Amino acid sequence: MQKKIANPQRRRALFTIVAGVASIPFVKIMSGGQAQAAGLPHLSEDDLTAKVLKYHHDASAAPRVDKYGVAAKDQFCHNCALVQSDSGDWRPCQIFPGKAVNANGWCTSWTKQQG
């Protein structure tokens, strides 16, 4: 009985495909983890989740309270740990996937950035 010899080109192609697919999640990590808000729709204050979390585009209109040792007047989306970008007037947020929040906005999920 003859043994079948594996095709090295087929094996190499399969390995390349699997490695390519497996590396997709690491692209975000290698790019600094910055999500792009460009093209994301702006979160509406009328959005159900936004209403529940008392989101406001203008933080001064939000019912803020001191949290984590940070005065209410100093809490904004731009200094929240859940916002996924360091620049722009509208930024992606982990709480509102697929939508951008105003950098000067606020919601009850505001969390102090580490560091």
Protein backbone atom coordinates (compact mmCIF):
# COMPACT_ATOMS: atom_id res chain seq x y z
CA MET A 1 0.00 0.00 0.00
CA GLN A 2 1.31 3.42 -0.97
CA LYS A 3 1.32 6.38 1.42
CA LYS A 4 -0.14 9.64 0.15
CA ILE A 5 2.32 12.50 0.28
CA ALA A 6 0.88 15.76 1.61
CA ASN A 7 0.92 18.65 -0.81
CA PRO A 8 3.20 21.30 0.76
CA GLN A 9 1.69 24.10 -1.36
CA ARG A 10 -1.79 23.29 -0.10
CA ARG A 11 -0.56 23.15 3.49
CA ARG A 12 1.24 26.50 3.11
CA ALA A 13 -1.87 28.14 1.58
CA LEU A 14 -4.08 26.82 4.37
CA PHE A 15 -1.63 28.04 7.02
CA THR A 16 -1.53 31.51 5.39
CA ILE A 17 -5.32 31.76 5.38
CA VAL A 18 -5.68 30.64 9.00
CA ALA A 19 -2.88 32.96 10.17
CA GLY A 20 -4.43 35.89 8.31
CA VAL A 21 -7.85 35.36 9.86
CA ALA A 22 -6.38 34.83 13.32
CA SER A 23 -4.42 38.09 13.11
CA ILE A 24 -7.46 40.31 12.47
CA PRO A 25 -8.15 41.02 16.18
CA PHE A 26 -4.54 42.10 16.66
CA VAL A 27 -4.80 44.85 14.04
CA LYS A 28 -6.70 47.05 16.50
CA ILE A 29 -4.14 46.42 19.23
CA MET A 30 -1.21 47.20 16.94
CA SER A 31 -2.85 50.40 15.69
CA GLY A 32 -2.95 51.75 19.23
CA GLY A 33 -6.52 50.68 19.89
CA GLN A 34 -7.92 53.98 18.63
CA ALA A 35 -11.35 53.66 17.12
CA GLN A 36 -12.28 56.13 14.44
CA ALA A 37 -15.44 58.19 14.92
CA ALA A 38 -15.39 59.42 11.34
CA GLY A 39 -18.45 58.06 9.64
CA LEU A 40 -20.18 57.02 12.85
CA PRO A 41 -23.62 58.52 13.36
CA HIS A 42 -23.88 60.97 16.26
CA LEU A 43 -25.69 59.68 19.31
CA SER A 44 -29.08 61.30 19.72
CA GLU A 45 -30.20 62.44 23.14
CA ASP A 46 -33.52 60.76 22.24
CA ASP A 47 -31.84 57.34 21.89
CA LEU A 48 -33.32 54.93 24.48
CA THR A 49 -29.94 54.01 25.98
CA ALA A 50 -28.91 57.68 26.01
CA LYS A 51 -32.08 58.57 27.92
CA VAL A 52 -31.56 55.80 30.46
CA LEU A 53 -27.95 56.92 31.04
CA LYS A 54 -28.97 60.61 31.09
CA TYR A 55 -26.63 61.43 28.19
CA HIS A 56 -26.38 65.10 27.17
CA HIS A 57 -24.32 66.61 24.34
CA ASP A 58 -23.57 69.52 26.68
CA ALA A 59 -22.31 68.25 30.04
CA SER A 60 -23.35 71.45 31.80
CA ALA A 61 -27.00 70.45 31.10
CA ALA A 62 -26.50 66.99 32.64
CA PRO A 63 -27.35 66.09 36.26
CA ARG A 64 -23.73 65.44 37.22
CA VAL A 65 -22.48 64.60 40.71
CA ASP A 66 -18.95 64.19 42.07
CA LYS A 67 -17.60 60.72 41.23
CA TYR A 68 -14.28 58.98 41.90
CA GLY A 69 -12.98 62.12 43.59
CA VAL A 70 -13.58 64.21 40.45
CA ALA A 71 -15.80 67.28 40.73
CA ALA A 72 -18.96 67.12 38.64
CA LYS A 73 -17.93 70.27 36.74
CA ASP A 74 -14.78 68.45 35.52
CA GLN A 75 -16.51 65.36 34.08
CA PHE A 76 -16.85 65.20 30.28
CA CYS A 77 -16.86 62.47 27.62
CA HIS A 78 -13.41 63.64 26.49
CA ASN A 79 -11.92 62.65 29.87
CA CYS A 80 -13.94 59.45 30.37
CA ALA A 81 -12.18 56.08 30.34
CA LEU A 82 -14.93 54.61 28.13
CA VAL A 83 -14.38 56.98 25.20
CA GLN A 84 -12.17 55.36 22.57
CA SER A 85 -10.37 58.31 21.00
CA ASP A 86 -8.20 61.20 22.11
CA SER A 87 -9.26 63.69 19.46
CA GLY A 88 -12.26 65.07 17.64
CA ASP A 89 -15.51 66.76 18.59
CA TRP A 90 -17.37 63.44 18.24
CA ARG A 91 -15.77 60.25 19.57
CA PRO A 92 -16.70 56.56 19.73
CA CYS A 93 -17.73 55.23 23.14
CA GLN A 94 -17.86 51.68 24.49
CA ILE A 95 -21.27 52.32 26.05
CA PHE A 96 -22.86 53.33 22.73
CA PRO A 97 -21.38 50.98 20.10
CA GLY A 98 -21.64 52.21 16.54
CA LYS A 99 -22.34 55.78 17.61
CA ALA A 100 -20.19 58.81 18.41
CA VAL A 101 -20.67 60.95 21.51
CA ASN A 102 -19.92 64.64 21.84
CA ALA A 103 -16.51 65.21 23.47
CA ASN A 104 -18.12 67.83 25.71
CA GLY A 105 -21.02 65.54 26.62
CA TRP A 106 -21.65 63.39 29.68
CA CYS A 107 -23.65 60.35 30.86
CA THR A 108 -24.05 58.50 34.15
CA SER A 109 -21.51 55.88 33.00
CA TRP A 110 -18.70 58.46 33.19
CA THR A 111 -15.61 56.74 34.56
CA LYS A 112 -12.35 58.35 35.64
CA GLN A 113 -9.41 57.69 33.32
CA GLN A 114 -6.46 55.91 34.90
CA GLY A 115 -3.19 57.74 35.09
